[in-house]
Amino acid sequence: MVRTAIILAAGMGVRLKERGRLTPKGCLCLGEKSILEESIVQLLAVGIQRIVIVTGYLAEQFEPLEARYRGAVQLVDNPHFAESGSMYLFAVLCPSLRGRRLLAAGVGSRL
């Protein structure tokens, strides 16, 4: 059974123009919760126990999610997000994660 999910959220949101410069895509609200918080709630509801969110651009804006879901959500910063893209940290991170894991494609990703 998959118990760990990885969400890639390090991107700069350039297609969002001005709105993406101020707020990462994952922190934008489409309803009452942000896109990432909706994902967290859904993942926890289906039995995922650990959610690793790879951040980069405006990483500090993701910190309230880690605090709100303490123990379930872990933020991992990719300081090279502008040069490397999200997949760099995913490749570095995977060997340290034990067991099966689910890659939830990046927020707004074209994967």
PDB file of N, CA and C in Angstrom:
ATOM      1  N   MET A   1       0.836  -1.186   0.000  1.00  0.00           N
ATOM      2  CA  MET A   1       0.000   0.000   0.000  1.00  0.00           C
ATOM      3  C   MET A   1       0.882   1.252   0.000  1.00  0.00           C
ATOM      4  N   VAL A   2       0.514   2.219  -0.784  1.00  0.00           N
ATOM      5  CA  VAL A   2       1.247   3.489  -0.861  1.00  0.00           C
ATOM      6  C   VAL A   2       0.888   4.327   0.360  1.00  0.00           C
ATOM      7  N   ARG A   3       1.904   4.806   1.066  1.00  0.00           N
ATOM      8  CA  ARG A   3       1.669   5.615   2.269  1.00  0.00           C
ATOM      9  C   ARG A   3       2.277   7.022   2.163  1.00  0.00           C
ATOM     10  N   THR A   4       3.119   7.230   1.140  1.00  0.00           N
ATOM     11  CA  THR A   4       3.787   8.520   0.964  1.00  0.00           C
ATOM     12  C   THR A   4       3.443   9.102  -0.398  1.00  0.00           C
ATOM     13  N   ALA A   5       3.088  10.368  -0.409  1.00  0.00           N
ATOM     14  CA  ALA A   5       2.835  11.091  -1.662  1.00  0.00           C
ATOM     15  C   ALA A   5       3.844  12.228  -1.762  1.00  0.00           C
ATOM     16  N   ILE A   6       4.285  12.488  -2.982  1.00  0.00           N
ATOM     17  CA  ILE A   6       5.211  13.591  -3.242  1.00  0.00           C
ATOM     18  C   ILE A   6       4.518  14.549  -4.195  1.00  0.00           C
ATOM     19  N   ILE A   7       4.443  15.806  -3.809  1.00  0.00           N
ATOM     20  CA  ILE A   7       3.837  16.833  -4.653  1.00  0.00           C
ATOM     21  C   ILE A   7       4.925  17.818  -5.044  1.00  0.00           C
ATOM     22  N   LEU A   8       5.098  18.023  -6.338  1.00  0.00           N
ATOM     23  CA  LEU A   8       6.099  18.958  -6.844  1.00  0.00           C
ATOM     24  C   LEU A   8       5.464  20.339  -6.980  1.00  0.00           C
ATOM     25  N   ALA A   9       5.920  21.288  -6.173  1.00  0.00           N
ATOM     26  CA  ALA A   9       5.316  22.619  -6.146  1.00  0.00           C
ATOM     27  C   ALA A   9       6.370  23.719  -6.137  1.00  0.00           C
ATOM     28  N   ALA A  10       7.489  23.497  -6.812  1.00  0.00           N
ATOM     29  CA  ALA A  10       8.596  24.456  -6.768  1.00  0.00           C
ATOM     30  C   ALA A  10       8.533  25.503  -7.872  1.00  0.00           C
ATOM     31  N   GLY A  11       7.653  25.325  -8.840  1.00  0.00           N
ATOM     32  CA  GLY A  11       7.635  26.187 -10.021  1.00  0.00           C
ATOM     33  C   GLY A  11       7.308  27.640  -9.747  1.00  0.00           C
ATOM     34  N   MET A  12       7.628  28.477 -10.728  1.00  0.00           N
ATOM     35  CA  MET A  12       7.480  29.916 -10.605  1.00  0.00           C
ATOM     36  C   MET A  12       6.135  30.434 -11.115  1.00  0.00           C
ATOM     37  N   GLY A  13       5.321  29.604 -11.707  1.00  0.00           N
ATOM     38  CA  GLY A  13       3.994  30.030 -12.152  1.00  0.00           C
ATOM     39  C   GLY A  13       4.023  31.129 -13.196  1.00  0.00           C
ATOM     40  N   VAL A  14       4.961  31.063 -14.127  1.00  0.00           N
ATOM     41  CA  VAL A  14       5.122  32.150 -15.102  1.00  0.00           C
ATOM     42  C   VAL A  14       3.895  32.340 -15.990  1.00  0.00           C
ATOM     43  N   ARG A  15       3.134  31.287 -16.226  1.00  0.00           N
ATOM     44  CA  ARG A  15       1.928  31.434 -17.072  1.00  0.00           C
ATOM     45  C   ARG A  15       0.833  32.223 -16.363  1.00  0.00           C
ATOM     46  N   LEU A  16       0.953  32.373 -15.045  1.00  0.00           N
ATOM     47  CA  LEU A  16      -0.034  33.150 -14.286  1.00  0.00           C
ATOM     48  C   LEU A  16       0.285  34.643 -14.284  1.00  0.00           C
ATOM     49  N   LYS A  17       1.384  34.992 -14.909  1.00  0.00           N
ATOM     50  CA  LYS A  17       1.844  36.375 -15.016  1.00  0.00           C
ATOM     51  C   LYS A  17       1.947  37.033 -13.634  1.00  0.00           C
ATOM     52  N   GLU A  18       1.327  38.195 -13.416  1.00  0.00           N
ATOM     53  CA  GLU A  18       1.471  38.944 -12.163  1.00  0.00           C
ATOM     54  C   GLU A  18       1.002  38.146 -10.958  1.00  0.00           C
ATOM     55  N   ARG A  19      -0.086  37.422 -11.092  1.00  0.00           N
ATOM     56  CA  ARG A  19      -0.608  36.651  -9.962  1.00  0.00           C
ATOM     57  C   ARG A  19       0.392  35.589  -9.509  1.00  0.00           C
ATOM     58  N   GLY A  20       1.094  34.984 -10.446  1.00  0.00           N
ATOM     59  CA  GLY A  20       2.103  33.984 -10.119  1.00  0.00           C
ATOM     60  C   GLY A  20       3.353  34.572  -9.497  1.00  0.00           C
ATOM     61  N   ARG A  21       3.601  35.843  -9.702  1.00  0.00           N
ATOM     62  CA  ARG A  21       4.770  36.482  -9.086  1.00  0.00           C
ATOM     63  C   ARG A  21       4.564  36.715  -7.587  1.00  0.00           C
ATOM     64  N   LEU A  22       3.310  36.822  -7.184  1.00  0.00           N
ATOM     65  CA  LEU A  22       2.996  37.130  -5.789  1.00  0.00           C
ATOM     66  C   LEU A  22       2.674  35.894  -4.952  1.00  0.00           C
ATOM     67  N   THR A  23       2.140  34.860  -5.606  1.00  0.00           N
ATOM     68  CA  THR A  23       1.669  33.672  -4.894  1.00  0.00           C
ATOM     69  C   THR A  23       1.984  32.435  -5.708  1.00  0.00           C
ATOM     70  N   PRO A  24       2.576  31.408  -5.108  1.00  0.00           N
ATOM     71  CA  PRO A  24       2.798  30.155  -5.841  1.00  0.00           C
ATOM     72  C   PRO A  24       1.449  29.525  -6.228  1.00  0.00           C
ATOM     73  N   LYS A  25       1.422  28.819  -7.342  1.00  0.00           N
ATOM     74  CA  LYS A  25       0.172  28.211  -7.812  1.00  0.00           C
ATOM     75  C   LYS A  25      -0.517  27.398  -6.730  1.00  0.00           C
ATOM     76  N   GLY A  26       0.232  26.612  -6.007  1.00  0.00           N
ATOM     77  CA  GLY A  26      -0.351  25.745  -4.994  1.00  0.00           C
ATOM     78  C   GLY A  26      -1.019  26.479  -3.850  1.00  0.00           C
ATOM     79  N   CYS A  27      -0.665  27.735  -3.661  1.00  0.00           N
ATOM     80  CA  CYS A  27      -1.248  28.525  -2.573  1.00  0.00           C
ATOM     81  C   CYS A  27      -2.454  29.338  -3.024  1.00  0.00           C
ATOM     82  N   LEU A  28      -2.781  29.288  -4.306  1.00  0.00           N
ATOM     83  CA  LEU A  28      -3.961  29.996  -4.802  1.00  0.00           C
ATOM     84  C   LEU A  28      -5.221  29.252  -4.380  1.00  0.00           C
ATOM     85  N   CYS A  29      -6.245  29.998  -4.048  1.00  0.00           N
ATOM     86  CA  CYS A  29      -7.519  29.408  -3.643  1.00  0.00           C
ATOM     87  C   CYS A  29      -8.494  29.425  -4.813  1.00  0.00           C
ATOM     88  N   LEU A  30      -9.114  28.287  -5.055  1.00  0.00           N
ATOM     89  CA  LEU A  30     -10.175  28.202  -6.060  1.00  0.00           C
ATOM     90  C   LEU A  30     -11.534  28.091  -5.366  1.00  0.00           C
ATOM     91  N   GLY A  31     -11.502  27.874  -4.093  1.00  0.00           N
ATOM     92  CA  GLY A  31     -12.693  27.781  -3.249  1.00  0.00           C
ATOM     93  C   GLY A  31     -12.297  28.311  -1.892  1.00  0.00           C
ATOM     94  N   GLU A  32     -12.615  27.558  -0.850  1.00  0.00           N
ATOM     95  CA  GLU A  32     -12.248  27.988   0.502  1.00  0.00           C
ATOM     96  C   GLU A  32     -10.814  27.632   0.856  1.00  0.00           C
ATOM     97  N   LYS A  33     -10.279  26.588   0.216  1.00  0.00           N
ATOM     98  CA  LYS A  33      -8.920  26.129   0.515  1.00  0.00           C
ATOM     99  C   LYS A  33      -8.032  26.341  -0.707  1.00  0.00           C
ATOM    100  N   SER A  34      -6.724  26.365  -0.436  1.00  0.00           N
ATOM    101  CA  SER A  34      -5.775  26.480  -1.553  1.00  0.00           C
ATOM    102  C   SER A  34      -5.761  25.179  -2.349  1.00  0.00           C
ATOM    103  N   ILE A  35      -5.218  25.247  -3.541  1.00  0.00           N
ATOM    104  CA  ILE A  35      -5.117  24.059  -4.402  1.00  0.00           C
ATOM    105  C   ILE A  35      -4.369  22.952  -3.668  1.00  0.00           C
ATOM    106  N   LEU A  36      -3.260  23.289  -3.023  1.00  0.00           N
ATOM    107  CA  LEU A  36      -2.480  22.278  -2.307  1.00  0.00           C
ATOM    108  C   LEU A  36      -3.213  21.735  -1.097  1.00  0.00           C
ATOM    109  N   GLU A  37      -3.917  22.581  -0.362  1.00  0.00           N
ATOM    110  CA  GLU A  37      -4.636  22.078   0.799  1.00  0.00           C
ATOM    111  C   GLU A  37      -5.749  21.120   0.377  1.00  0.00           C
ATOM    112  N   GLU A  38      -6.420  21.413  -0.721  1.00  0.00           N
ATOM    113  CA  GLU A  38      -7.432  20.478  -1.246  1.00  0.00           C
ATOM    114  C   GLU A  38      -6.787  19.134  -1.555  1.00  0.00           C
ATOM    115  N   SER A  39      -5.602  19.158  -2.149  1.00  0.00           N
ATOM    116  CA  SER A  39      -4.887  17.917  -2.458  1.00  0.00           C
ATOM    117  C   SER A  39      -4.508  17.168  -1.190  1.00  0.00           C
ATOM    118  N   ILE A  40      -4.039  17.898  -0.185  1.00  0.00           N
ATOM    119  CA  ILE A  40      -3.651  17.280   1.087  1.00  0.00           C
ATOM    120  C   ILE A  40      -4.847  16.579   1.718  1.00  0.00           C
ATOM    121  N   VAL A  41      -5.968  17.259   1.781  1.00  0.00           N
ATOM    122  CA  VAL A  41      -7.175  16.697   2.380  1.00  0.00           C
ATOM    123  C   VAL A  41      -7.592  15.416   1.648  1.00  0.00           C
ATOM    124  N   GLN A  42      -7.547  15.459   0.321  1.00  0.00           N
ATOM    125  CA  GLN A  42      -7.937  14.286  -0.462  1.00  0.00           C
ATOM    126  C   GLN A  42      -6.962  13.127  -0.276  1.00  0.00           C
ATOM    127  N   LEU A  43      -5.677  13.411  -0.229  1.00  0.00           N
ATOM    128  CA  LEU A  43      -4.682  12.355  -0.028  1.00  0.00           C
ATOM    129  C   LEU A  43      -4.818  11.717   1.354  1.00  0.00           C
ATOM    130  N   LEU A  44      -5.022  12.528   2.375  1.00  0.00           N
ATOM    131  CA  LEU A  44      -5.208  11.985   3.722  1.00  0.00           C
ATOM    132  C   LEU A  44      -6.476  11.133   3.799  1.00  0.00           C
ATOM    133  N   ALA A  45      -7.512  11.536   3.082  1.00  0.00           N
ATOM    134  CA  ALA A  45      -8.786  10.820   3.098  1.00  0.00           C
ATOM    135  C   ALA A  45      -8.683   9.416   2.505  1.00  0.00           C
ATOM    136  N   VAL A  46      -7.720   9.202   1.608  1.00  0.00           N
ATOM    137  CA  VAL A  46      -7.578   7.875   0.998  1.00  0.00           C
ATOM    138  C   VAL A  46      -6.453   7.060   1.649  1.00  0.00           C
ATOM    139  N   GLY A  47      -5.950   7.531   2.791  1.00  0.00           N
ATOM    140  CA  GLY A  47      -5.002   6.730   3.548  1.00  0.00           C
ATOM    141  C   GLY A  47      -3.536   7.086   3.406  1.00  0.00           C
ATOM    142  N   ILE A  48      -3.226   8.130   2.655  1.00  0.00           N
ATOM    143  CA  ILE A  48      -1.831   8.571   2.586  1.00  0.00           C
ATOM    144  C   ILE A  48      -1.466   9.134   3.957  1.00  0.00           C
ATOM    145  N   GLN A  49      -0.317   8.728   4.477  1.00  0.00           N
ATOM    146  CA  GLN A  49       0.088   9.147   5.824  1.00  0.00           C
ATOM    147  C   GLN A  49       1.151  10.232   5.827  1.00  0.00           C
ATOM    148  N   ARG A  50       1.915  10.308   4.761  1.00  0.00           N
ATOM    149  CA  ARG A  50       3.020  11.281   4.682  1.00  0.00           C
ATOM    150  C   ARG A  50       2.948  11.963   3.327  1.00  0.00           C
ATOM    151  N   ILE A  51       2.966  13.288   3.339  1.00  0.00           N
ATOM    152  CA  ILE A  51       2.918  14.065   2.104  1.00  0.00           C
ATOM    153  C   ILE A  51       4.147  14.968   2.092  1.00  0.00           C
ATOM    154  N   VAL A  52       5.015  14.741   1.123  1.00  0.00           N
ATOM    155  CA  VAL A  52       6.227  15.545   0.960  1.00  0.00           C
ATOM    156  C   VAL A  52       5.947  16.545  -0.157  1.00  0.00           C
ATOM    157  N   ILE A  53       6.039  17.826   0.168  1.00  0.00           N
ATOM    158  CA  ILE A  53       5.814  18.873  -0.827  1.00  0.00           C
ATOM    159  C   ILE A  53       7.158  19.503  -1.140  1.00  0.00           C
ATOM    160  N   VAL A  54       7.567  19.395  -2.393  1.00  0.00           N
ATOM    161  CA  VAL A  54       8.827  19.979  -2.849  1.00  0.00           C
ATOM    162  C   VAL A  54       8.547  21.423  -3.245  1.00  0.00           C
ATOM    163  N   THR A  55       9.167  22.346  -2.522  1.00  0.00           N
ATOM    164  CA  THR A  55       8.956  23.766  -2.775  1.00  0.00           C
ATOM    165  C   THR A  55      10.196  24.383  -3.405  1.00  0.00           C
ATOM    166  N   GLY A  56      10.079  25.616  -3.783  1.00  0.00           N
ATOM    167  CA  GLY A  56      11.191  26.350  -4.375  1.00  0.00           C
ATOM    168  C   GLY A  56      10.840  27.824  -4.366  1.00  0.00           C
ATOM    169  N   TYR A  57      10.137  28.252  -5.388  1.00  0.00           N
ATOM    170  CA  TYR A  57       9.731  29.649  -5.527  1.00  0.00           C
ATOM    171  C   TYR A  57       8.766  30.040  -4.408  1.00  0.00           C
ATOM    172  N   LEU A  58       9.057  31.117  -3.692  1.00  0.00           N
ATOM    173  CA  LEU A  58       8.232  31.621  -2.594  1.00  0.00           C
ATOM    174  C   LEU A  58       7.913  30.519  -1.569  1.00  0.00           C
ATOM    175  N   ALA A  59       8.923  29.730  -1.263  1.00  0.00           N
ATOM    176  CA  ALA A  59       8.764  28.549  -0.400  1.00  0.00           C
ATOM    177  C   ALA A  59       8.136  28.874   0.956  1.00  0.00           C
ATOM    178  N   GLU A  60       8.410  30.051   1.480  1.00  0.00           N
ATOM    179  CA  GLU A  60       7.889  30.403   2.806  1.00  0.00           C
ATOM    180  C   GLU A  60       6.361  30.438   2.840  1.00  0.00           C
ATOM    181  N   GLN A  61       5.721  30.619   1.695  1.00  0.00           N
ATOM    182  CA  GLN A  61       4.263  30.673   1.670  1.00  0.00           C
ATOM    183  C   GLN A  61       3.615  29.299   1.890  1.00  0.00           C
ATOM    184  N   PHE A  62       4.404  28.239   1.830  1.00  0.00           N
ATOM    185  CA  PHE A  62       3.880  26.887   2.065  1.00  0.00           C
ATOM    186  C   PHE A  62       3.951  26.489   3.540  1.00  0.00           C
ATOM    187  N   GLU A  63       4.681  27.247   4.350  1.00  0.00           N
ATOM    188  CA  GLU A  63       4.901  26.891   5.754  1.00  0.00           C
ATOM    189  C   GLU A  63       3.618  26.724   6.561  1.00  0.00           C
ATOM    190  N   PRO A  64       2.571  27.533   6.357  1.00  0.00           N
ATOM    191  CA  PRO A  64       1.337  27.310   7.121  1.00  0.00           C
ATOM    192  C   PRO A  64       0.725  25.923   6.895  1.00  0.00           C
ATOM    193  N   LEU A  65       0.901  25.351   5.717  1.00  0.00           N
ATOM    194  CA  LEU A  65       0.386  24.003   5.461  1.00  0.00           C
ATOM    195  C   LEU A  65       1.113  22.967   6.300  1.00  0.00           C
ATOM    196  N   GLU A  66       2.424  23.127   6.398  1.00  0.00           N
ATOM    197  CA  GLU A  66       3.203  22.193   7.212  1.00  0.00           C
ATOM    198  C   GLU A  66       2.789  22.294   8.678  1.00  0.00           C
ATOM    199  N   ALA A  67       2.543  23.512   9.148  1.00  0.00           N
ATOM    200  CA  ALA A  67       2.123  23.706  10.543  1.00  0.00           C
ATOM    201  C   ALA A  67       0.710  23.163  10.771  1.00  0.00           C
ATOM    202  N   ARG A  68      -0.189  23.402   9.835  1.00  0.00           N
ATOM    203  CA  ARG A  68      -1.578  22.965   9.986  1.00  0.00           C
ATOM    204  C   ARG A  68      -1.703  21.447   9.974  1.00  0.00           C
ATOM    205  N   TYR A  69      -0.877  20.783   9.166  1.00  0.00           N
ATOM    206  CA  TYR A  69      -0.935  19.321   9.033  1.00  0.00           C
ATOM    207  C   TYR A  69       0.331  18.691   9.605  1.00  0.00           C
ATOM    208  N   ARG A  70       0.732  19.186  10.764  1.00  0.00           N
ATOM    209  CA  ARG A  70       1.953  18.733  11.439  1.00  0.00           C
ATOM    210  C   ARG A  70       1.981  17.213  11.553  1.00  0.00           C
ATOM    211  N   GLY A  71       3.089  16.640  11.143  1.00  0.00           N
ATOM    212  CA  GLY A  71       3.244  15.188  11.203  1.00  0.00           C
ATOM    213  C   GLY A  71       2.862  14.502   9.905  1.00  0.00           C
ATOM    214  N   ALA A  72       1.970  15.103   9.134  1.00  0.00           N
ATOM    215  CA  ALA A  72       1.551  14.497   7.872  1.00  0.00           C
ATOM    216  C   ALA A  72       2.231  15.172   6.674  1.00  0.00           C
ATOM    217  N   VAL A  73       2.491  16.464   6.786  1.00  0.00           N
ATOM    218  CA  VAL A  73       3.068  17.233   5.674  1.00  0.00           C
ATOM    219  C   VAL A  73       4.492  17.643   6.018  1.00  0.00           C
ATOM    220  N   GLN A  74       5.382  17.392   5.065  1.00  0.00           N
ATOM    221  CA  GLN A  74       6.783  17.789   5.211  1.00  0.00           C
ATOM    222  C   GLN A  74       7.167  18.615   3.992  1.00  0.00           C
ATOM    223  N   LEU A  75       7.740  19.772   4.206  1.00  0.00           N
ATOM    224  CA  LEU A  75       8.226  20.610   3.115  1.00  0.00           C
ATOM    225  C   LEU A  75       9.699  20.322   2.885  1.00  0.00           C
ATOM    226  N   VAL A  76      10.071  20.201   1.624  1.00  0.00           N
ATOM    227  CA  VAL A  76      11.471  20.030   1.245  1.00  0.00           C
ATOM    228  C   VAL A  76      11.757  21.092   0.192  1.00  0.00           C
ATOM    229  N   ASP A  77      12.693  21.974   0.491  1.00  0.00           N
ATOM    230  CA  ASP A  77      13.003  23.077  -0.417  1.00  0.00           C
ATOM    231  C   ASP A  77      14.018  22.652  -1.472  1.00  0.00           C
ATOM    232  N   ASN A  78      13.759  23.066  -2.698  1.00  0.00           N
ATOM    233  CA  ASN A  78      14.706  22.877  -3.791  1.00  0.00           C
ATOM    234  C   ASN A  78      15.332  24.241  -4.081  1.00  0.00           C
ATOM    235  N   PRO A  79      16.505  24.518  -3.526  1.00  0.00           N
ATOM    236  CA  PRO A  79      17.120  25.826  -3.739  1.00  0.00           C
ATOM    237  C   PRO A  79      17.561  26.059  -5.184  1.00  0.00           C
ATOM    238  N   HIS A  80      17.592  25.013  -5.984  1.00  0.00           N
ATOM    239  CA  HIS A  80      18.010  25.122  -7.382  1.00  0.00           C
ATOM    240  C   HIS A  80      16.818  25.074  -8.337  1.00  0.00           C
ATOM    241  N   PHE A  81      15.605  25.388  -7.842  1.00  0.00           N
ATOM    242  CA  PHE A  81      14.399  25.239  -8.646  1.00  0.00           C
ATOM    243  C   PHE A  81      14.449  26.023  -9.952  1.00  0.00           C
ATOM    244  N   ALA A  82      15.052  27.206  -9.959  1.00  0.00           N
ATOM    245  CA  ALA A  82      15.072  28.047 -11.162  1.00  0.00           C
ATOM    246  C   ALA A  82      15.932  27.442 -12.267  1.00  0.00           C
ATOM    247  N   GLU A  83      16.999  26.741 -11.879  1.00  0.00           N
ATOM    248  CA  GLU A  83      17.889  26.148 -12.866  1.00  0.00           C
ATOM    249  C   GLU A  83      17.552  24.697 -13.172  1.00  0.00           C
ATOM    250  N   SER A  84      17.006  24.001 -12.198  1.00  0.00           N
ATOM    251  CA  SER A  84      16.888  22.547 -12.326  1.00  0.00           C
ATOM    252  C   SER A  84      15.483  22.047 -12.615  1.00  0.00           C
ATOM    253  N   GLY A  85      14.491  22.773 -12.227  1.00  0.00           N
ATOM    254  CA  GLY A  85      13.130  22.285 -12.328  1.00  0.00           C
ATOM    255  C   GLY A  85      12.824  21.322 -11.193  1.00  0.00           C
ATOM    256  N   SER A  86      11.579  20.979 -11.044  1.00  0.00           N
ATOM    257  CA  SER A  86      11.131  20.155  -9.925  1.00  0.00           C
ATOM    258  C   SER A  86      11.679  18.746  -9.956  1.00  0.00           C
ATOM    259  N   MET A  87      11.903  18.192 -11.110  1.00  0.00           N
ATOM    260  CA  MET A  87      12.319  16.798 -11.209  1.00  0.00           C
ATOM    261  C   MET A  87      13.710  16.561 -10.619  1.00  0.00           C
ATOM    262  N   TYR A  88      14.537  17.582 -10.546  1.00  0.00           N
ATOM    263  CA  TYR A  88      15.864  17.443  -9.955  1.00  0.00           C
ATOM    264  C   TYR A  88      15.760  16.969  -8.507  1.00  0.00           C
ATOM    265  N   LEU A  89      14.983  17.683  -7.697  1.00  0.00           N
ATOM    266  CA  LEU A  89      14.877  17.306  -6.296  1.00  0.00           C
ATOM    267  C   LEU A  89      14.143  15.980  -6.136  1.00  0.00           C
ATOM    268  N   PHE A  90      13.189  15.708  -6.998  1.00  0.00           N
ATOM    269  CA  PHE A  90      12.501  14.420  -6.948  1.00  0.00           C
ATOM    270  C   PHE A  90      13.513  13.293  -7.122  1.00  0.00           C
ATOM    271  N   ALA A  91      14.429  13.433  -8.062  1.00  0.00           N
ATOM    272  CA  ALA A  91      15.444  12.413  -8.302  1.00  0.00           C
ATOM    273  C   ALA A  91      16.390  12.277  -7.103  1.00  0.00           C
ATOM    274  N   VAL A  92      16.722  13.383  -6.460  1.00  0.00           N
ATOM    275  CA  VAL A  92      17.599  13.359  -5.296  1.00  0.00           C
ATOM    276  C   VAL A  92      16.852  12.808  -4.080  1.00  0.00           C
ATOM    277  N   LEU A  93      15.590  13.140  -3.942  1.00  0.00           N
ATOM    278  CA  LEU A  93      14.789  12.781  -2.779  1.00  0.00           C
ATOM    279  C   LEU A  93      14.383  11.310  -2.747  1.00  0.00           C
ATOM    280  N   CYS A  94      14.063  10.740  -3.876  1.00  0.00           N
ATOM    281  CA  CYS A  94      13.512   9.386  -3.936  1.00  0.00           C
ATOM    282  C   CYS A  94      14.343   8.315  -3.230  1.00  0.00           C
ATOM    283  N   PRO A  95      15.645   8.270  -3.387  1.00  0.00           N
ATOM    284  CA  PRO A  95      16.388   7.205  -2.708  1.00  0.00           C
ATOM    285  C   PRO A  95      16.252   7.228  -1.185  1.00  0.00           C
ATOM    286  N   SER A  96      15.973   8.389  -0.594  1.00  0.00           N
ATOM    287  CA  SER A  96      15.861   8.475   0.864  1.00  0.00           C
ATOM    288  C   SER A  96      14.463   8.127   1.372  1.00  0.00           C
ATOM    289  N   LEU A  97      13.496   8.009   0.473  1.00  0.00           N
ATOM    290  CA  LEU A  97      12.136   7.671   0.885  1.00  0.00           C
ATOM    291  C   LEU A  97      11.983   6.157   0.887  1.00  0.00           C
ATOM    292  N   ARG A  98      11.521   5.630   1.969  1.00  0.00           N
ATOM    293  CA  ARG A  98      11.345   4.186   2.096  1.00  0.00           C
ATOM    294  C   ARG A  98       9.952   3.783   1.631  1.00  0.00           C
ATOM    295  N   GLY A  99       9.851   2.605   1.073  1.00  0.00           N
ATOM    296  CA  GLY A  99       8.553   2.064   0.696  1.00  0.00           C
ATOM    297  C   GLY A  99       8.022   2.651  -0.607  1.00  0.00           C
ATOM    298  N   ARG A 100       6.805   2.276  -0.899  1.00  0.00           N
ATOM    299  CA  ARG A 100       6.158   2.735  -2.118  1.00  0.00           C
ATOM    300  C   ARG A 100       5.690   4.168  -1.944  1.00  0.00           C
ATOM    301  N   ARG A 101       5.688   4.917  -3.029  1.00  0.00           N
ATOM    302  CA  ARG A 101       5.274   6.311  -2.966  1.00  0.00           C
ATOM    303  C   ARG A 101       4.513   6.696  -4.223  1.00  0.00           C
ATOM    304  N   LEU A 102       3.699   7.689  -4.095  1.00  0.00           N
ATOM    305  CA  LEU A 102       2.882   8.204  -5.173  1.00  0.00           C
ATOM    306  C   LEU A 102       3.411   9.566  -5.534  1.00  0.00           C
ATOM    307  N   LEU A 103       3.653   9.798  -6.809  1.00  0.00           N
ATOM    308  CA  LEU A 103       4.053  11.122  -7.275  1.00  0.00           C
ATOM    309  C   LEU A 103       2.815  11.826  -7.766  1.00  0.00           C
ATOM    310  N   ALA A 104       2.392  12.839  -7.044  1.00  0.00           N
ATOM    311  CA  ALA A 104       1.289  13.673  -7.469  1.00  0.00           C
ATOM    312  C   ALA A 104       1.939  14.774  -8.293  1.00  0.00           C
ATOM    313  N   ALA A 105       1.675  14.798  -9.586  1.00  0.00           N
ATOM    314  CA  ALA A 105       2.342  15.734 -10.489  1.00  0.00           C
ATOM    315  C   ALA A 105       2.234  17.152  -9.972  1.00  0.00           C
ATOM    316  N   GLY A 106       3.155  17.963 -10.404  1.00  0.00           N
ATOM    317  CA  GLY A 106       3.214  19.341  -9.939  1.00  0.00           C
ATOM    318  C   GLY A 106       1.925  20.091 -10.134  1.00  0.00           C
ATOM    319  N   VAL A 107       1.691  21.049  -9.292  1.00  0.00           N
ATOM    320  CA  VAL A 107       0.510  21.898  -9.371  1.00  0.00           C
ATOM    321  C   VAL A 107       0.549  22.646 -10.695  1.00  0.00           C
ATOM    322  N   GLY A 108      -0.478  22.487 -11.497  1.00  0.00           N
ATOM    323  CA  GLY A 108      -0.521  23.151 -12.785  1.00  0.00           C
ATOM    324  C   GLY A 108       0.427  22.553 -13.803  1.00  0.00           C
ATOM    325  N   SER A 109       0.900  21.373 -13.541  1.00  0.00           N
ATOM    326  CA  SER A 109       1.896  20.720 -14.382  1.00  0.00           C
ATOM    327  C   SER A 109       1.335  20.302 -15.733  1.00  0.00           C
ATOM    328  N   ARG A 110       2.208  20.202 -16.686  1.00  0.00           N
ATOM    329  CA  ARG A 110       1.831  19.689 -17.999  1.00  0.00           C
ATOM    330  C   ARG A 110       2.343  18.273 -18.191  1.00  0.00           C
ATOM    331  N   LEU A 111       2.653  17.544 -17.091  1.00  0.00           N
ATOM    332  CA  LEU A 111       3.162  16.182 -17.193  1.00  0.00           C
ATOM    333  C   LEU A 111       2.155  15.272 -17.831  1.00  0.00           C
TER     334      LEU A 111
END
